[in-house]
N, C-alpha and C. Protein backbone atom coordinates (compact mmCIF):
# COMPACT_ATOMS: atom_id res chain seq x y z
N MET A 1 1.04 -0.88 -0.04
CA MET A 1 0.20 0.19 -0.01
C MET A 1 0.72 1.34 -0.40
N THR A 2 0.68 2.15 -1.15
CA THR A 2 1.55 3.24 -1.05
C THR A 2 0.81 4.60 0.13
N LEU A 3 2.12 5.25 0.48
CA LEU A 3 1.45 6.33 1.57
C LEU A 3 0.12 7.39 1.38
N ARG A 4 0.13 7.43 -0.05
CA ARG A 4 -1.23 7.97 -0.90
C ARG A 4 -2.53 7.39 -0.81
N THR A 5 -2.01 5.90 -1.02
CA THR A 5 -3.31 5.57 -0.60
C THR A 5 -4.05 5.76 1.11
N VAL A 6 -2.95 5.41 1.47
CA VAL A 6 -3.05 5.61 3.25
C VAL A 6 -3.90 7.09 3.47
N ALA A 7 -2.96 7.69 3.36
CA ALA A 7 -3.43 9.44 3.25
C ALA A 7 -4.60 9.29 2.54
N ALA A 8 -5.33 8.63 2.00
CA ALA A 8 -6.44 9.08 1.09
C ALA A 8 -7.61 8.48 1.90
N GLY A 9 -7.56 6.80 1.95
CA GLY A 9 -8.27 6.36 3.15
C GLY A 9 -8.28 7.09 4.27
N LEU A 10 -7.17 7.50 5.35
CA LEU A 10 -7.52 7.81 6.36
C LEU A 10 -8.44 9.50 5.79
N GLY A 11 -8.33 10.04 5.04
CA GLY A 11 -8.96 11.27 4.81
C GLY A 11 -10.53 10.86 4.68
N LEU A 12 -10.65 9.74 4.14
CA LEU A 12 -12.01 10.15 3.70
C LEU A 12 -12.57 8.99 5.10
N LEU A 13 -11.94 8.48 6.05
CA LEU A 13 -12.15 8.29 6.99
C LEU A 13 -13.02 9.82 7.72
N LEU A 14 -11.51 10.42 8.08
CA LEU A 14 -12.01 11.74 9.22
C LEU A 14 -13.61 12.42 7.93
N LEU A 15 -13.43 12.52 7.70
CA LEU A 15 -14.55 12.94 6.23
C LEU A 15 -16.21 12.09 7.48
N ALA A 16 -16.10 11.03 7.18
CA ALA A 16 -17.21 9.94 7.25
C ALA A 16 -17.64 9.93 8.87
N ALA A 17 -16.31 10.15 9.59
CA ALA A 17 -16.57 10.36 11.12
C ALA A 17 -17.01 11.92 11.51
N CYS A 18 -16.44 12.57 10.79
CA CYS A 18 -17.16 14.28 11.53
C CYS A 18 -18.56 14.18 11.02
N GLY A 19 -19.02 13.96 9.97
CA GLY A 19 -20.41 13.34 9.34
C GLY A 19 -21.12 15.17 9.63
N GLY A 20 -21.44 15.70 10.58
CA GLY A 20 -21.89 16.72 11.01
C GLY A 20 -21.52 17.84 11.20
N CYS A 21 -20.26 17.55 11.33
CA CYS A 21 -19.28 18.60 11.75
C CYS A 21 -18.89 19.65 10.68
N GLY A 22 -18.32 21.07 11.43
CA GLY A 22 -17.97 22.45 10.37
C GLY A 22 -19.43 23.16 10.68
N ALA A 23 -19.11 24.13 9.79
CA ALA A 23 -20.31 25.09 8.94
C ALA A 23 -21.61 24.60 8.52
N GLY A 24 -22.42 24.90 9.04
CA GLY A 24 -23.59 23.99 8.31
C GLY A 24 -24.40 22.68 8.97
N SER A 25 -23.84 22.50 9.95
CA SER A 25 -23.93 21.06 10.50
C SER A 25 -25.12 21.40 11.64
N ALA A 26 -26.44 20.36 11.53
CA ALA A 26 -27.24 20.62 12.03
C ALA A 26 -27.37 19.40 13.64
N VAL A 27 -27.51 20.55 14.25
CA VAL A 27 -27.18 19.35 15.99
C VAL A 27 -29.00 19.19 16.29
N SER A 28 -28.99 17.38 16.12
CA SER A 28 -30.38 17.09 16.26
C SER A 28 -31.54 17.31 17.59
N ASP A 29 -30.16 17.60 18.53
CA ASP A 29 -31.11 17.18 20.06
C ASP A 29 -30.57 18.80 20.78
N LEU A 30 -31.31 19.65 20.66
CA LEU A 30 -30.98 21.17 21.27
C LEU A 30 -31.02 21.28 22.91
N GLY A 31 -31.52 19.97 23.14
CA GLY A 31 -31.83 19.62 24.78
C GLY A 31 -32.85 20.74 25.19
N THR A 32 -32.27 20.99 26.55
CA THR A 32 -33.19 21.85 27.39
C THR A 32 -33.37 23.33 26.89
N VAL A 33 -34.06 24.15 26.28
CA VAL A 33 -33.94 25.68 25.53
C VAL A 33 -34.36 26.31 26.26
N VAL A 34 -33.52 27.36 26.82
CA VAL A 34 -33.37 28.51 27.12
C VAL A 34 -33.21 29.83 26.82
N LYS A 35 -34.47 30.45 26.90
CA LYS A 35 -34.52 31.84 26.19
C LYS A 35 -33.91 33.19 26.94
N GLY A 36 -33.52 33.67 26.25
CA GLY A 36 -32.72 35.13 26.60
C GLY A 36 -32.82 36.27 25.57
N ALA A 37 -32.47 37.82 25.76
CA ALA A 37 -32.71 38.56 24.98
C ALA A 37 -31.63 39.69 25.75
N LYS A 38 -31.25 40.72 24.38
CA LYS A 38 -30.42 41.86 24.31
C LYS A 38 -30.68 42.24 25.77
N GLY A 39 -29.63 42.59 26.90
CA GLY A 39 -30.14 43.29 28.00
C GLY A 39 -30.45 42.84 28.67
N ALA A 40 -30.68 41.48 29.09
CA ALA A 40 -31.03 40.89 29.73
C ALA A 40 -30.08 39.74 30.64
N THR A 41 -30.70 39.47 31.82
CA THR A 41 -29.69 38.34 32.42
C THR A 41 -30.62 37.25 32.77
N VAL A 42 -30.31 35.85 32.60
CA VAL A 42 -31.43 35.04 32.96
C VAL A 42 -30.36 33.93 33.68
N PRO A 43 -30.65 33.34 34.99
CA PRO A 43 -30.45 32.58 36.09
C PRO A 43 -30.44 31.05 35.62
N VAL A 44 -30.29 29.86 35.02
CA VAL A 44 -30.40 28.80 34.42
C VAL A 44 -30.06 27.83 35.97
N GLU A 45 -30.56 26.66 35.83
CA GLU A 45 -30.07 26.06 36.84
C GLU A 45 -29.88 24.56 35.85
N LEU A 46 -28.77 23.74 35.89
CA LEU A 46 -28.77 22.44 35.42
C LEU A 46 -28.35 20.99 35.83
N ARG A 47 -28.10 19.82 35.31
CA ARG A 47 -27.78 18.82 35.74
C ARG A 47 -26.75 18.67 35.59
N SER A 48 -25.93 17.91 36.03
CA SER A 48 -24.75 17.18 35.16
C SER A 48 -25.09 16.33 34.37
N GLY A 49 -24.61 16.58 32.98
CA GLY A 49 -24.33 15.69 31.99
C GLY A 49 -25.94 16.15 30.99
N GLN A 50 -26.56 17.78 31.49
CA GLN A 50 -27.63 17.82 30.64
C GLN A 50 -27.44 18.77 29.45
N ARG A 51 -28.05 18.60 27.88
CA ARG A 51 -27.63 19.22 27.06
C ARG A 51 -28.81 20.34 27.07
N PHE A 52 -28.23 21.42 26.98
CA PHE A 52 -29.19 22.51 26.86
C PHE A 52 -28.54 23.30 26.03
N SER A 53 -29.92 24.42 25.38
CA SER A 53 -29.26 25.50 24.27
C SER A 53 -29.72 26.99 25.10
N LEU A 54 -28.98 27.76 24.89
CA LEU A 54 -29.29 29.37 24.63
C LEU A 54 -29.91 29.72 23.92
N ALA A 55 -31.19 30.32 23.98
CA ALA A 55 -31.36 30.86 22.60
C ALA A 55 -31.85 32.48 22.31
N VAL A 56 -31.39 32.99 21.81
CA VAL A 56 -31.97 34.98 21.24
C VAL A 56 -32.62 34.17 19.58
N THR A 57 -33.67 35.70 19.51
CA THR A 57 -34.13 35.76 18.17
C THR A 57 -32.69 36.49 17.40
N GLY A 58 -32.89 36.35 16.33
CA GLY A 58 -32.18 37.11 15.87
C GLY A 58 -32.38 37.42 14.14
N ASN A 59 -32.17 38.07 13.58
CA ASN A 59 -32.07 38.36 12.13
C ASN A 59 -30.96 38.79 11.00
N ALA A 60 -30.23 38.05 10.24
CA ALA A 60 -29.13 38.16 9.98
C ALA A 60 -29.37 39.25 8.22
N SER A 61 -30.87 39.62 8.38
CA SER A 61 -31.15 40.30 7.06
C SER A 61 -31.09 41.88 7.39
N VAL A 62 -31.44 41.47 8.77
CA VAL A 62 -31.50 43.46 9.27
C VAL A 62 -30.20 43.96 9.99
N GLY A 63 -29.01 42.75 10.03
CA GLY A 63 -28.21 43.31 10.34
C GLY A 63 -27.56 42.28 12.01
N ASP A 64 -28.81 41.96 12.57
CA ASP A 64 -28.12 40.82 14.07
C ASP A 64 -27.14 39.79 13.41
N SER A 65 -25.62 39.74 14.23
CA SER A 65 -24.84 38.50 14.78
C SER A 65 -24.43 38.24 15.66
N TRP A 66 -25.14 37.24 16.38
CA TRP A 66 -24.77 36.46 17.56
C TRP A 66 -23.52 35.61 17.52
N SER A 67 -23.05 36.41 18.47
CA SER A 67 -21.44 35.00 18.61
C SER A 67 -21.40 35.38 20.12
N LEU A 68 -20.82 34.09 20.29
CA LEU A 68 -20.06 33.67 21.83
C LEU A 68 -18.94 35.27 22.38
N LYS A 69 -19.60 34.97 23.63
CA LYS A 69 -18.14 36.32 23.72
C LYS A 69 -17.41 35.42 24.00
N ALA A 70 -17.58 34.97 25.05
CA ALA A 70 -15.68 34.51 25.20
C ALA A 70 -16.32 32.49 25.76
N VAL A 71 -15.47 31.75 26.01
CA VAL A 71 -15.68 30.57 25.91
C VAL A 71 -15.91 30.49 27.91
N PRO A 72 -17.11 30.11 28.37
CA PRO A 72 -17.59 29.82 29.86
C PRO A 72 -16.28 29.17 30.33
N ASP A 73 -16.37 28.54 31.94
CA ASP A 73 -15.45 27.69 32.03
C ASP A 73 -15.98 26.36 31.72
N THR A 74 -15.06 25.75 31.27
CA THR A 74 -14.73 24.73 30.31
C THR A 74 -14.70 23.06 31.64
N LYS A 75 -14.82 23.08 32.74
CA LYS A 75 -15.09 22.66 33.86
C LYS A 75 -16.83 22.37 33.94
N VAL A 76 -17.48 23.25 33.90
CA VAL A 76 -18.48 23.17 33.75
C VAL A 76 -19.32 23.10 33.05
N VAL A 77 -19.29 23.38 31.83
CA VAL A 77 -20.31 23.62 30.90
C VAL A 77 -19.12 23.45 29.64
N SER A 78 -19.28 22.69 28.52
CA SER A 78 -18.83 22.21 27.16
C SER A 78 -19.56 23.08 25.82
N PHE A 79 -19.36 23.92 24.77
CA PHE A 79 -19.92 24.37 24.09
C PHE A 79 -19.87 23.32 23.06
N ILE A 80 -20.63 23.09 22.02
CA ILE A 80 -20.72 22.05 21.27
C ILE A 80 -20.87 22.83 19.78
N SER A 81 -21.77 23.53 19.52
CA SER A 81 -22.11 24.38 18.54
C SER A 81 -23.46 25.44 18.27
N GLN A 82 -23.26 26.18 17.61
CA GLN A 82 -24.69 27.26 16.86
C GLN A 82 -25.39 27.27 15.72
N GLU A 83 -26.17 27.05 16.24
CA GLU A 83 -27.38 26.30 14.94
C GLU A 83 -28.47 27.89 15.25
N HIS A 84 -28.74 27.64 13.95
CA HIS A 84 -29.83 28.97 13.69
C HIS A 84 -31.15 28.00 12.87
N GLN A 85 -32.13 28.49 13.20
CA GLN A 85 -33.65 28.12 12.60
C GLN A 85 -34.33 29.03 12.36
N ASP A 86 -34.71 29.08 11.24
CA ASP A 86 -35.82 30.48 10.55
C ASP A 86 -37.12 29.93 10.83
N GLU A 87 -37.66 31.42 11.37
CA GLU A 87 -39.15 31.56 11.50
C GLU A 87 -39.64 30.56 10.28
N SER A 88 -39.68 30.94 9.19
CA SER A 88 -40.63 30.47 7.89
C SER A 88 -39.45 30.27 6.90
N ASP A 89 -40.03 30.40 5.72
CA ASP A 89 -39.34 29.89 4.73
C ASP A 89 -39.22 31.42 3.68
N ARG A 90 -39.59 32.22 4.15
CA ARG A 90 -39.94 33.40 3.58
C ARG A 90 -38.48 34.71 3.49
N PRO A 91 -37.84 34.80 2.36
CA PRO A 91 -36.36 35.34 2.99
C PRO A 91 -36.85 36.66 3.71
N GLY A 92 -35.49 36.80 4.71
CA GLY A 92 -35.72 37.80 5.65
C GLY A 92 -36.72 37.88 6.82
N SER A 93 -37.22 36.75 7.14
CA SER A 93 -37.95 36.77 8.43
C SER A 93 -37.68 36.76 9.30
N GLY A 94 -36.03 36.31 9.96
CA GLY A 94 -35.48 36.08 10.85
C GLY A 94 -35.46 34.52 11.59
N GLY A 95 -34.85 34.46 12.92
CA GLY A 95 -35.41 33.12 13.27
C GLY A 95 -34.64 33.31 15.07
N THR A 96 -34.52 32.53 15.21
CA THR A 96 -33.86 31.71 16.35
C THR A 96 -32.70 31.61 16.27
N VAL A 97 -31.16 31.73 17.47
CA VAL A 97 -29.34 31.56 17.04
C VAL A 97 -29.70 30.38 18.62
N TYR A 98 -29.20 29.24 18.26
CA TYR A 98 -28.95 28.63 19.38
C TYR A 98 -27.64 27.92 19.40
N PHE A 99 -27.50 28.14 20.55
CA PHE A 99 -25.75 27.91 21.14
C PHE A 99 -25.99 27.24 22.13
N VAL A 100 -25.28 25.63 21.39
CA VAL A 100 -25.29 24.13 22.40
C VAL A 100 -24.72 24.07 23.13
N PHE A 101 -24.80 23.38 24.85
CA PHE A 101 -23.56 22.93 25.12
C PHE A 101 -24.06 21.78 25.98
N ASN A 102 -23.61 21.17 26.67
CA ASN A 102 -23.63 20.62 27.82
C ASN A 102 -23.06 20.46 29.17
N ALA A 103 -23.70 20.54 30.25
CA ALA A 103 -23.54 20.49 31.14
C ALA A 103 -22.58 19.39 31.85
N LYS A 104 -21.75 20.21 32.70
CA LYS A 104 -21.08 18.99 32.88
C LYS A 104 -20.30 18.55 34.44
N GLN A 105 -19.35 19.12 35.26
CA GLN A 105 -19.11 19.45 36.81
C GLN A 105 -20.23 20.15 37.21
N PRO A 106 -20.50 19.72 38.52
CA PRO A 106 -20.70 21.13 39.11
C PRO A 106 -20.13 22.51 39.53
N GLY A 107 -21.18 23.29 39.78
CA GLY A 107 -20.15 24.90 39.32
C GLY A 107 -20.94 25.76 39.24
N THR A 108 -20.26 27.17 38.71
CA THR A 108 -21.55 28.18 38.56
C THR A 108 -20.27 28.94 37.39
N THR A 109 -21.33 29.21 35.97
CA THR A 109 -20.12 30.01 35.38
C THR A 109 -20.98 30.65 34.23
N GLU A 110 -20.62 31.73 33.91
CA GLU A 110 -21.37 32.75 32.60
C GLU A 110 -21.23 32.76 31.24
N VAL A 111 -22.23 32.66 30.65
CA VAL A 111 -22.04 32.67 29.07
C VAL A 111 -22.44 34.21 28.41
N ARG A 112 -22.20 34.63 27.88
CA ARG A 112 -22.20 35.97 27.46
C ARG A 112 -22.42 36.18 25.83
N LEU A 113 -23.04 36.62 25.28
CA LEU A 113 -24.16 36.38 23.64
C LEU A 113 -23.54 37.32 23.44
N PHE A 114 -23.31 37.79 22.45
CA PHE A 114 -23.15 39.13 21.96
C PHE A 114 -23.65 39.02 20.46
N ASP A 115 -24.62 40.47 20.23
CA ASP A 115 -25.50 40.59 18.99
C ASP A 115 -24.52 41.95 18.34
N CYS A 116 -23.81 41.62 17.84
CA CYS A 116 -23.21 43.25 16.85
C CYS A 116 -24.08 43.37 15.84
N TRP A 117 -24.95 44.07 15.85
CA TRP A 117 -25.32 44.74 15.06
C TRP A 117 -25.18 45.22 13.96
N ARG A 118 -25.21 44.80 12.88
CA ARG A 118 -24.60 45.45 11.50
C ARG A 118 -23.21 46.29 11.83
N CYS A 119 -22.02 44.96 12.29
CA CYS A 119 -21.07 45.48 12.66
C CYS A 119 -19.91 45.07 11.72
N GLY A 120 -20.42 44.46 10.09
CA GLY A 120 -19.29 43.85 8.92
C GLY A 120 -18.71 42.90 9.70
N THR A 121 -17.49 42.91 9.06
CA THR A 121 -16.52 41.52 8.92
C THR A 121 -15.43 41.77 10.34
N GLY A 122 -15.85 43.14 11.31
CA GLY A 122 -14.71 43.36 12.31
C GLY A 122 -15.05 42.83 12.90
N GLY A 123 -16.42 42.82 13.75
CA GLY A 123 -17.02 42.35 14.69
C GLY A 123 -17.22 43.39 15.96
N THR A 124 -16.78 44.56 15.35
CA THR A 124 -16.95 46.01 16.60
C THR A 124 -18.02 46.89 16.06
N PRO A 125 -19.06 47.39 16.95
CA PRO A 125 -19.61 48.65 16.40
C PRO A 125 -19.02 49.50 15.74
N GLU A 126 -19.16 50.16 14.27
CA GLU A 126 -18.75 51.22 14.51
C GLU A 126 -19.62 52.72 14.47
N SER A 127 -20.40 52.74 13.60
CA SER A 127 -21.52 53.05 14.17
C SER A 127 -22.05 53.65 15.26
N GLU A 128 -22.54 54.65 15.80
CA GLU A 128 -23.41 55.07 17.00
C GLU A 128 -24.93 54.13 16.74
N GLU A 129 -25.34 54.14 15.54
CA GLU A 129 -26.46 53.31 15.61
C GLU A 129 -26.33 52.09 15.67
N SER A 130 -25.28 51.39 15.26
CA SER A 130 -24.38 49.85 15.30
C SER A 130 -24.42 49.69 16.88
N ARG A 131 -23.84 50.49 17.66
CA ARG A 131 -23.59 50.69 19.17
C ARG A 131 -24.50 50.84 20.19
N SER A 132 -25.36 51.77 19.48
CA SER A 132 -26.77 51.62 20.27
C SER A 132 -27.90 50.67 19.94
N GLN A 133 -27.73 49.56 18.79
CA GLN A 133 -28.50 48.52 18.60
C GLN A 133 -27.81 47.02 18.97
N SER A 134 -26.32 46.97 18.97
CA SER A 134 -25.71 45.95 19.21
C SER A 134 -26.00 45.36 20.85
N GLY A 135 -25.76 44.83 21.34
CA GLY A 135 -25.92 44.42 23.06
C GLY A 135 -25.87 42.65 23.47
N GLU A 136 -25.74 42.75 24.79
CA GLU A 136 -25.14 40.99 25.43
C GLU A 136 -26.65 40.61 25.84
N ALA A 137 -26.79 39.63 25.49
CA ALA A 137 -27.42 38.67 26.27
C ALA A 137 -26.43 37.69 27.38
N VAL A 138 -26.75 37.65 29.08
CA VAL A 138 -25.95 37.16 29.32
C VAL A 138 -27.19 35.39 30.05
N PHE A 139 -26.03 34.89 30.73
CA PHE A 139 -26.89 33.37 31.33
C PHE A 139 -25.88 33.61 32.42
N THR A 140 -26.09 33.46 33.33
CA THR A 140 -25.60 32.79 34.90
C THR A 140 -26.15 31.29 34.99
N LEU A 141 -25.13 30.27 35.10
CA LEU A 141 -25.17 29.42 34.42
C LEU A 141 -24.58 27.97 36.16
N THR A 142 -25.39 27.35 36.73
CA THR A 142 -25.30 26.77 37.42
C THR A 142 -25.68 25.50 37.80
N VAL A 143 -24.33 24.10 37.84
CA VAL A 143 -24.80 22.84 37.65
C VAL A 143 -24.88 22.59 38.64
N THR A 144 -25.42 21.38 39.01
CA THR A 144 -25.80 20.82 40.17
C THR A 144 -25.67 19.06 40.10
N LYS A 145 -24.95 18.23 40.66
CA LYS A 145 -25.05 16.33 40.68
C LYS A 145 -26.55 16.43 40.06
N ASP A 146 -27.30 16.64 41.35
CA ASP A 146 -28.89 16.36 40.57
C ASP A 146 -30.21 17.63 41.15
N GLY A 147 -31.10 17.24 40.19
CA GLY A 147 -31.77 18.32 40.65
C GLY A 147 -32.62 18.76 39.27
N PRO A 148 -33.63 19.40 38.71
CA PRO A 148 -34.21 19.60 37.27
C PRO A 148 -33.51 21.05 36.78
N ALA A 149 -33.46 20.82 35.62
CA ALA A 149 -33.06 22.07 34.68
C ALA A 149 -34.28 23.09 34.88
N THR A 150 -33.92 24.59 35.48
CA THR A 150 -35.05 25.58 35.25
C THR A 150 -34.56 26.99 34.92
N SER A 151 -35.27 27.75 34.54
CA SER A 151 -34.73 28.70 34.19
C SER A 151 -35.75 29.92 35.11
N ARG A 152 -34.96 30.62 34.98
CA ARG A 152 -36.11 31.83 36.08
C ARG A 152 -36.47 32.82 35.41
N GLY A 153 -36.57 32.79 34.04
CA GLY A 153 -36.87 33.82 32.90
C GLY A 153 -36.08 35.34 33.26
N PRO A 154 -35.76 36.19 31.87
CA PRO A 154 -34.92 36.53 31.97
C PRO A 154 -35.46 38.26 33.23
N ALA A 155 -34.40 38.60 33.34
CA ALA A 155 -33.92 39.57 34.60
C ALA A 155 -34.07 40.99 33.96
N PRO A 156 -35.50 41.74 34.17
CA PRO A 156 -35.57 43.24 33.28
C PRO A 156 -34.33 43.88 32.51
N PRO A 157 -34.30 44.50 31.55
CA PRO A 157 -32.84 44.99 31.41
C PRO A 157 -32.57 46.44 32.29
N ALA A 158 -31.33 46.15 31.94
CA ALA A 158 -30.37 47.29 32.91
C ALA A 158 -30.64 48.50 31.93
N PRO A 159 -31.12 49.69 33.08
CA PRO A 159 -31.16 51.08 32.72
C PRO A 159 -30.31 51.45 31.55
N SER A 160 -30.60 52.01 30.83
CA SER A 160 -29.85 52.52 29.82
C SER A 160 -28.82 54.26 30.58
N GLY A 161 -28.07 54.43 29.89
CA GLY A 161 -27.85 55.87 30.55
C GLY A 161 -26.29 56.27 30.93
């Protein structure tokens, strides 16, 4: 067997193993869905081993671009993927962005999702309008060994000023 044949075989094996990896992958199990919003902080209680998704509404056609601001404590939760589900088949209808995680060990961590509105490729609001429309959704996660997953709902937005 030549080195080229072995390399080609390994490449095909990696593609087959990866299946739904990479851009455009679709996680079939979003787990417990917890909704958040720009300007809100949502406390969330989870069990070790539980899959969950942090969900925010967005519409890329008008400029919404949600991202994970920083990776949370990887001992407490692990990030799996970011998924998008359209509201309808109509162009420009918007939808929901899901950030999928697994709860791991007991502990507390925070997830900050950032909607950079009409930021372009730089990822930083450049205009005053972009700065005023951009914002964070914050989730405070507490993982326990046992107990039900709950969300107390979003806290009211902080006063601007």
